[in-house]
Amino acid sequence: MSIRVLALIPILCIFVGVAFANRTYPIVLGMPFLFFYMVACIVFTSIVMAIVYALDPANRREE
Protein backbone atom coordinates (compact mmCIF):
# COMPACT_ATOMS: atom_id res chain seq x y z
CA MET A 1 0.00 0.00 0.00
CA SER A 2 1.37 3.39 -0.96
CA ILE A 3 1.91 6.02 1.70
CA ARG A 4 -0.04 8.43 -0.49
CA VAL A 5 -3.26 6.64 0.47
CA LEU A 6 -3.00 8.53 3.76
CA ALA A 7 -4.02 11.63 1.81
CA LEU A 8 -7.56 10.21 1.62
CA ILE A 9 -8.03 10.47 5.39
CA PRO A 10 -8.40 14.28 5.49
CA ILE A 11 -10.81 14.19 2.55
CA LEU A 12 -13.01 11.72 4.38
CA CYS A 13 -12.67 13.78 7.55
CA ILE A 14 -14.03 16.85 5.80
CA PHE A 15 -16.71 15.34 3.57
CA VAL A 16 -18.08 12.60 5.83
CA GLY A 17 -17.43 14.17 9.21
CA VAL A 18 -19.30 17.39 8.47
CA ALA A 19 -22.57 15.48 8.34
CA PHE A 20 -22.01 14.38 11.93
CA ALA A 21 -20.51 17.64 13.19
CA ASN A 22 -23.23 19.92 11.81
CA ARG A 23 -24.23 21.34 15.20
CA THR A 24 -24.40 24.84 16.56
CA TYR A 25 -23.88 23.73 20.14
CA PRO A 26 -21.61 22.98 21.95
CA ILE A 27 -19.39 26.02 21.73
CA VAL A 28 -15.73 24.96 21.63
CA LEU A 29 -13.06 27.60 22.19
CA GLY A 30 -15.67 30.27 21.49
CA MET A 31 -16.65 28.80 18.11
CA PRO A 32 -19.69 26.80 17.08
CA PHE A 33 -18.83 23.11 16.89
CA LEU A 34 -18.95 22.89 13.08
CA PHE A 35 -16.53 25.80 12.70
CA PHE A 36 -14.19 24.28 15.30
CA TYR A 37 -14.41 20.93 13.49
CA MET A 38 -13.45 22.51 10.16
CA VAL A 39 -10.48 24.33 11.73
CA ALA A 40 -9.37 21.06 13.33
CA CYS A 41 -9.66 19.31 9.95
CA ILE A 42 -7.42 21.92 8.34
CA VAL A 43 -4.76 21.47 11.03
CA PHE A 44 -5.10 17.68 10.77
CA THR A 45 -4.74 17.85 6.98
CA SER A 46 -1.49 19.82 7.34
CA ILE A 47 -0.10 17.21 9.72
CA VAL A 48 -1.07 14.29 7.48
CA MET A 49 0.40 15.98 4.38
CA ALA A 50 3.66 16.60 6.25
CA ILE A 51 3.80 12.90 7.17
CA VAL A 52 3.10 11.86 3.57
CA TYR A 53 5.81 14.21 2.32
CA ALA A 54 8.35 12.95 4.85
CA LEU A 55 7.68 9.26 4.14
CA ASP A 56 7.38 9.45 0.35
CA PRO A 57 10.44 7.89 -1.26
CA ALA A 58 10.27 10.35 -4.18
CA ASN A 59 11.27 13.16 -1.81
CA ARG A 60 14.51 11.60 -0.59
CA ARG A 61 17.82 13.13 -1.59
CA GLU A 62 20.50 10.97 -3.01
CA GLU A 63 23.96 12.23 -2.21
PDB file of N, CA and C in Angstrom:
ATOM      1  N   MET A   1       0.851  -1.182   0.000  1.00  0.00           N
ATOM      2  CA  MET A   1       0.000   0.000   0.000  1.00  0.00           C
ATOM      3  C   MET A   1       0.898   1.248   0.000  1.00  0.00           C
ATOM      4  N   SER A   2       0.585   2.163  -0.835  1.00  0.00           N
ATOM      5  CA  SER A   2       1.369   3.386  -0.956  1.00  0.00           C
ATOM      6  C   SER A   2       1.062   4.332   0.215  1.00  0.00           C
ATOM      7  N   ILE A   3       2.072   5.059   0.606  1.00  0.00           N
ATOM      8  CA  ILE A   3       1.911   6.019   1.699  1.00  0.00           C
ATOM      9  C   ILE A   3       0.975   7.157   1.289  1.00  0.00           C
ATOM     10  N   ARG A   4       0.817   7.354  -0.002  1.00  0.00           N
ATOM     11  CA  ARG A   4      -0.039   8.429  -0.495  1.00  0.00           C
ATOM     12  C   ARG A   4      -1.516   8.177  -0.223  1.00  0.00           C
ATOM     13  N   VAL A   5      -1.869   6.958   0.122  1.00  0.00           N
ATOM     14  CA  VAL A   5      -3.259   6.639   0.467  1.00  0.00           C
ATOM     15  C   VAL A   5      -3.672   7.389   1.737  1.00  0.00           C
ATOM     16  N   LEU A   6      -2.702   7.747   2.553  1.00  0.00           N
ATOM     17  CA  LEU A   6      -3.001   8.531   3.763  1.00  0.00           C
ATOM     18  C   LEU A   6      -3.647   9.867   3.425  1.00  0.00           C
ATOM     19  N   ALA A   7      -3.435  10.348   2.225  1.00  0.00           N
ATOM     20  CA  ALA A   7      -4.019  11.626   1.815  1.00  0.00           C
ATOM     21  C   ALA A   7      -5.539  11.545   1.716  1.00  0.00           C
ATOM     22  N   LEU A   8      -6.095  10.359   1.670  1.00  0.00           N
ATOM     23  CA  LEU A   8      -7.555  10.209   1.625  1.00  0.00           C
ATOM     24  C   LEU A   8      -8.211  10.458   2.981  1.00  0.00           C
ATOM     25  N   ILE A   9      -7.461  10.302   4.052  1.00  0.00           N
ATOM     26  CA  ILE A   9      -8.034  10.466   5.390  1.00  0.00           C
ATOM     27  C   ILE A   9      -8.566  11.878   5.616  1.00  0.00           C
ATOM     28  N   PRO A  10      -7.832  12.946   5.300  1.00  0.00           N
ATOM     29  CA  PRO A  10      -8.396  14.285   5.489  1.00  0.00           C
ATOM     30  C   PRO A  10      -9.623  14.560   4.622  1.00  0.00           C
ATOM     31  N   ILE A  11      -9.645  13.997   3.418  1.00  0.00           N
ATOM     32  CA  ILE A  11     -10.808  14.189   2.552  1.00  0.00           C
ATOM     33  C   ILE A  11     -12.041  13.568   3.189  1.00  0.00           C
ATOM     34  N   LEU A  12     -11.888  12.369   3.702  1.00  0.00           N
ATOM     35  CA  LEU A  12     -13.006  11.723   4.382  1.00  0.00           C
ATOM     36  C   LEU A  12     -13.397  12.477   5.646  1.00  0.00           C
ATOM     37  N   CYS A  13     -12.406  13.002   6.329  1.00  0.00           N
ATOM     38  CA  CYS A  13     -12.669  13.781   7.545  1.00  0.00           C
ATOM     39  C   CYS A  13     -13.551  14.982   7.236  1.00  0.00           C
ATOM     40  N   ILE A  14     -13.272  15.646   6.142  1.00  0.00           N
ATOM     41  CA  ILE A  14     -14.032  16.846   5.796  1.00  0.00           C
ATOM     42  C   ILE A  14     -15.401  16.499   5.234  1.00  0.00           C
ATOM     43  N   PHE A  15     -15.456  15.596   4.256  1.00  0.00           N
ATOM     44  CA  PHE A  15     -16.711  15.341   3.566  1.00  0.00           C
ATOM     45  C   PHE A  15     -17.690  14.482   4.370  1.00  0.00           C
ATOM     46  N   VAL A  16     -17.192  13.478   5.067  1.00  0.00           N
ATOM     47  CA  VAL A  16     -18.078  12.599   5.831  1.00  0.00           C
ATOM     48  C   VAL A  16     -18.330  13.154   7.232  1.00  0.00           C
ATOM     49  N   GLY A  17     -17.310  13.696   7.844  1.00  0.00           N
ATOM     50  CA  GLY A  17     -17.432  14.172   9.213  1.00  0.00           C
ATOM     51  C   GLY A  17     -18.342  15.368   9.389  1.00  0.00           C
ATOM     52  N   VAL A  18     -18.462  16.198   8.376  1.00  0.00           N
ATOM     53  CA  VAL A  18     -19.295  17.393   8.468  1.00  0.00           C
ATOM     54  C   VAL A  18     -20.751  17.014   8.710  1.00  0.00           C
ATOM     55  N   ALA A  19     -21.195  15.924   8.139  1.00  0.00           N
ATOM     56  CA  ALA A  19     -22.573  15.483   8.339  1.00  0.00           C
ATOM     57  C   ALA A  19     -22.847  15.172   9.811  1.00  0.00           C
ATOM     58  N   PHE A  20     -21.839  14.699  10.515  1.00  0.00           N
ATOM     59  CA  PHE A  20     -22.008  14.376  11.930  1.00  0.00           C
ATOM     60  C   PHE A  20     -21.704  15.556  12.843  1.00  0.00           C
ATOM     61  N   ALA A  21     -20.917  16.499  12.366  1.00  0.00           N
ATOM     62  CA  ALA A  21     -20.505  17.637  13.190  1.00  0.00           C
ATOM     63  C   ALA A  21     -21.359  18.868  12.954  1.00  0.00           C
ATOM     64  N   ASN A  22     -22.400  18.770  12.163  1.00  0.00           N
ATOM     65  CA  ASN A  22     -23.229  19.917  11.814  1.00  0.00           C
ATOM     66  C   ASN A  22     -24.125  20.295  12.997  1.00  0.00           C
ATOM     67  N   ARG A  23     -23.524  20.923  13.990  1.00  0.00           N
ATOM     68  CA  ARG A  23     -24.226  21.336  15.201  1.00  0.00           C
ATOM     69  C   ARG A  23     -23.809  22.759  15.553  1.00  0.00           C
ATOM     70  N   THR A  24     -24.732  23.500  16.091  1.00  0.00           N
ATOM     71  CA  THR A  24     -24.401  24.838  16.564  1.00  0.00           C
ATOM     72  C   THR A  24     -23.820  24.769  17.964  1.00  0.00           C
ATOM     73  N   TYR A  25     -24.359  23.905  18.771  1.00  0.00           N
ATOM     74  CA  TYR A  25     -23.885  23.726  20.138  1.00  0.00           C
ATOM     75  C   TYR A  25     -23.281  22.345  20.251  1.00  0.00           C
ATOM     76  N   PRO A  26     -22.253  22.144  20.957  1.00  0.00           N
ATOM     77  CA  PRO A  26     -21.614  22.981  21.950  1.00  0.00           C
ATOM     78  C   PRO A  26     -20.699  24.026  21.320  1.00  0.00           C
ATOM     79  N   ILE A  27     -20.364  25.001  22.117  1.00  0.00           N
ATOM     80  CA  ILE A  27     -19.393  26.018  21.732  1.00  0.00           C
ATOM     81  C   ILE A  27     -18.022  25.540  22.209  1.00  0.00           C
ATOM     82  N   VAL A  28     -17.067  25.430  21.289  1.00  0.00           N
ATOM     83  CA  VAL A  28     -15.728  24.958  21.627  1.00  0.00           C
ATOM     84  C   VAL A  28     -14.749  26.079  21.314  1.00  0.00           C
ATOM     85  N   LEU A  29     -14.015  26.503  22.316  1.00  0.00           N
ATOM     86  CA  LEU A  29     -13.057  27.601  22.186  1.00  0.00           C
ATOM     87  C   LEU A  29     -13.709  28.849  21.599  1.00  0.00           C
ATOM     88  N   GLY A  30     -14.956  29.086  21.940  1.00  0.00           N
ATOM     89  CA  GLY A  30     -15.671  30.269  21.494  1.00  0.00           C
ATOM     90  C   GLY A  30     -16.237  30.173  20.088  1.00  0.00           C
ATOM     91  N   MET A  31     -16.145  28.989  19.474  1.00  0.00           N
ATOM     92  CA  MET A  31     -16.646  28.797  18.108  1.00  0.00           C
ATOM     93  C   MET A  31     -17.753  27.756  18.123  1.00  0.00           C
ATOM     94  N   PRO A  32     -18.724  27.889  17.232  1.00  0.00           N
ATOM     95  CA  PRO A  32     -19.690  26.798  17.079  1.00  0.00           C
ATOM     96  C   PRO A  32     -18.958  25.509  16.703  1.00  0.00           C
ATOM     97  N   PHE A  33     -19.528  24.383  17.059  1.00  0.00           N
ATOM     98  CA  PHE A  33     -18.830  23.113  16.892  1.00  0.00           C
ATOM     99  C   PHE A  33     -18.429  22.851  15.441  1.00  0.00           C
ATOM    100  N   LEU A  34     -19.291  23.153  14.483  1.00  0.00           N
ATOM    101  CA  LEU A  34     -18.953  22.892  13.082  1.00  0.00           C
ATOM    102  C   LEU A  34     -17.736  23.708  12.651  1.00  0.00           C
ATOM    103  N   PHE A  35     -17.679  24.965  13.060  1.00  0.00           N
ATOM    104  CA  PHE A  35     -16.532  25.803  12.701  1.00  0.00           C
ATOM    105  C   PHE A  35     -15.257  25.266  13.346  1.00  0.00           C
ATOM    106  N   PHE A  36     -15.342  24.874  14.614  1.00  0.00           N
ATOM    107  CA  PHE A  36     -14.193  24.277  15.299  1.00  0.00           C
ATOM    108  C   PHE A  36     -13.751  22.998  14.594  1.00  0.00           C
ATOM    109  N   TYR A  37     -14.721  22.181  14.170  1.00  0.00           N
ATOM    110  CA  TYR A  37     -14.410  20.933  13.486  1.00  0.00           C
ATOM    111  C   TYR A  37     -13.672  21.200  12.171  1.00  0.00           C
ATOM    112  N   MET A  38     -14.099  22.197  11.417  1.00  0.00           N
ATOM    113  CA  MET A  38     -13.447  22.514  10.155  1.00  0.00           C
ATOM    114  C   MET A  38     -12.021  23.030  10.373  1.00  0.00           C
ATOM    115  N   VAL A  39     -11.829  23.846  11.400  1.00  0.00           N
ATOM    116  CA  VAL A  39     -10.476  24.329  11.726  1.00  0.00           C
ATOM    117  C   VAL A  39      -9.589  23.156  12.131  1.00  0.00           C
ATOM    118  N   ALA A  40     -10.131  22.239  12.926  1.00  0.00           N
ATOM    119  CA  ALA A  40      -9.367  21.059  13.334  1.00  0.00           C
ATOM    120  C   ALA A  40      -9.021  20.190  12.130  1.00  0.00           C
ATOM    121  N   CYS A  41      -9.938  20.078  11.167  1.00  0.00           N
ATOM    122  CA  CYS A  41      -9.663  19.306   9.950  1.00  0.00           C
ATOM    123  C   CYS A  41      -8.538  19.938   9.138  1.00  0.00           C
ATOM    124  N   ILE A  42      -8.488  21.240   9.086  1.00  0.00           N
ATOM    125  CA  ILE A  42      -7.421  21.924   8.344  1.00  0.00           C
ATOM    126  C   ILE A  42      -6.063  21.665   8.997  1.00  0.00           C
ATOM    127  N   VAL A  43      -6.009  21.748  10.313  1.00  0.00           N
ATOM    128  CA  VAL A  43      -4.762  21.467  11.035  1.00  0.00           C
ATOM    129  C   VAL A  43      -4.369  20.006  10.847  1.00  0.00           C
ATOM    130  N   PHE A  44      -5.347  19.108  10.951  1.00  0.00           N
ATOM    131  CA  PHE A  44      -5.105  17.675  10.774  1.00  0.00           C
ATOM    132  C   PHE A  44      -4.604  17.375   9.361  1.00  0.00           C
ATOM    133  N   THR A  45      -5.163  18.043   8.360  1.00  0.00           N
ATOM    134  CA  THR A  45      -4.736  17.853   6.983  1.00  0.00           C
ATOM    135  C   THR A  45      -3.283  18.274   6.807  1.00  0.00           C
ATOM    136  N   SER A  46      -2.888  19.370   7.420  1.00  0.00           N
ATOM    137  CA  SER A  46      -1.494  19.817   7.336  1.00  0.00           C
ATOM    138  C   SER A  46      -0.545  18.796   7.942  1.00  0.00           C
ATOM    139  N   ILE A  47      -0.934  18.219   9.058  1.00  0.00           N
ATOM    140  CA  ILE A  47      -0.097  17.215   9.716  1.00  0.00           C
ATOM    141  C   ILE A  47       0.021  15.961   8.858  1.00  0.00           C
ATOM    142  N   VAL A  48      -1.092  15.494   8.320  1.00  0.00           N
ATOM    143  CA  VAL A  48      -1.070  14.293   7.479  1.00  0.00           C
ATOM    144  C   VAL A  48      -0.242  14.531   6.213  1.00  0.00           C
ATOM    145  N   MET A  49      -0.375  15.692   5.591  1.00  0.00           N
ATOM    146  CA  MET A  49       0.398  15.975   4.380  1.00  0.00           C
ATOM    147  C   MET A  49       1.899  16.061   4.685  1.00  0.00           C
ATOM    148  N   ALA A  50       2.251  16.568   5.862  1.00  0.00           N
ATOM    149  CA  ALA A  50       3.664  16.597   6.249  1.00  0.00           C
ATOM    150  C   ALA A  50       4.204  15.179   6.436  1.00  0.00           C
ATOM    151  N   ILE A  51       3.393  14.298   6.997  1.00  0.00           N
ATOM    152  CA  ILE A  51       3.803  12.898   7.172  1.00  0.00           C
ATOM    153  C   ILE A  51       3.962  12.222   5.813  1.00  0.00           C
ATOM    154  N   VAL A  52       3.008  12.442   4.913  1.00  0.00           N
ATOM    155  CA  VAL A  52       3.095  11.855   3.575  1.00  0.00           C
ATOM    156  C   VAL A  52       4.341  12.358   2.863  1.00  0.00           C
ATOM    157  N   TYR A  53       4.617  13.636   2.958  1.00  0.00           N
ATOM    158  CA  TYR A  53       5.811  14.209   2.319  1.00  0.00           C
ATOM    159  C   TYR A  53       7.089  13.602   2.894  1.00  0.00           C
ATOM    160  N   ALA A  54       7.136  13.463   4.214  1.00  0.00           N
ATOM    161  CA  ALA A  54       8.347  12.946   4.853  1.00  0.00           C
ATOM    162  C   ALA A  54       8.580  11.470   4.531  1.00  0.00           C
ATOM    163  N   LEU A  55       7.531  10.698   4.363  1.00  0.00           N
ATOM    164  CA  LEU A  55       7.676   9.263   4.136  1.00  0.00           C
ATOM    165  C   LEU A  55       7.697   8.863   2.667  1.00  0.00           C
ATOM    166  N   ASP A  56       7.410   9.773   1.777  1.00  0.00           N
ATOM    167  CA  ASP A  56       7.375   9.455   0.352  1.00  0.00           C
ATOM    168  C   ASP A  56       8.790   9.271  -0.178  1.00  0.00           C
ATOM    169  N   PRO A  57       9.073   8.132  -0.762  1.00  0.00           N
ATOM    170  CA  PRO A  57      10.435   7.890  -1.261  1.00  0.00           C
ATOM    171  C   PRO A  57      10.854   8.837  -2.389  1.00  0.00           C
ATOM    172  N   ALA A  58       9.924   9.431  -3.091  1.00  0.00           N
ATOM    173  CA  ALA A  58      10.271  10.349  -4.177  1.00  0.00           C
ATOM    174  C   ALA A  58      10.884  11.644  -3.656  1.00  0.00           C
ATOM    175  N   ASN A  59      10.757  11.923  -2.385  1.00  0.00           N
ATOM    176  CA  ASN A  59      11.271  13.164  -1.806  1.00  0.00           C
ATOM    177  C   ASN A  59      12.618  12.981  -1.116  1.00  0.00           C
ATOM    178  N   ARG A  60      13.226  11.845  -1.258  1.00  0.00           N
ATOM    179  CA  ARG A  60      14.509  11.603  -0.585  1.00  0.00           C
ATOM    180  C   ARG A  60      15.665  12.040  -1.469  1.00  0.00           C
ATOM    181  N   ARG A  61      16.642  12.680  -0.861  1.00  0.00           N
ATOM    182  CA  ARG A  61      17.821  13.132  -1.591  1.00  0.00           C
ATOM    183  C   ARG A  61      18.823  11.990  -1.714  1.00  0.00           C
ATOM    184  N   GLU A  62      19.424  11.943  -2.836  1.00  0.00           N
ATOM    185  CA  GLU A  62      20.498  10.971  -3.013  1.00  0.00           C
ATOM    186  C   GLU A  62      21.793  11.755  -3.147  1.00  0.00           C
ATOM    187  N   GLU A  63      22.690  11.493  -2.223  1.00  0.00           N
ATOM    188  CA  GLU A  63      23.958  12.233  -2.214  1.00  0.00           C
ATOM    189  C   GLU A  63      25.109  11.339  -2.562  1.00  0.00           C
TER     190      GLU A  63
END
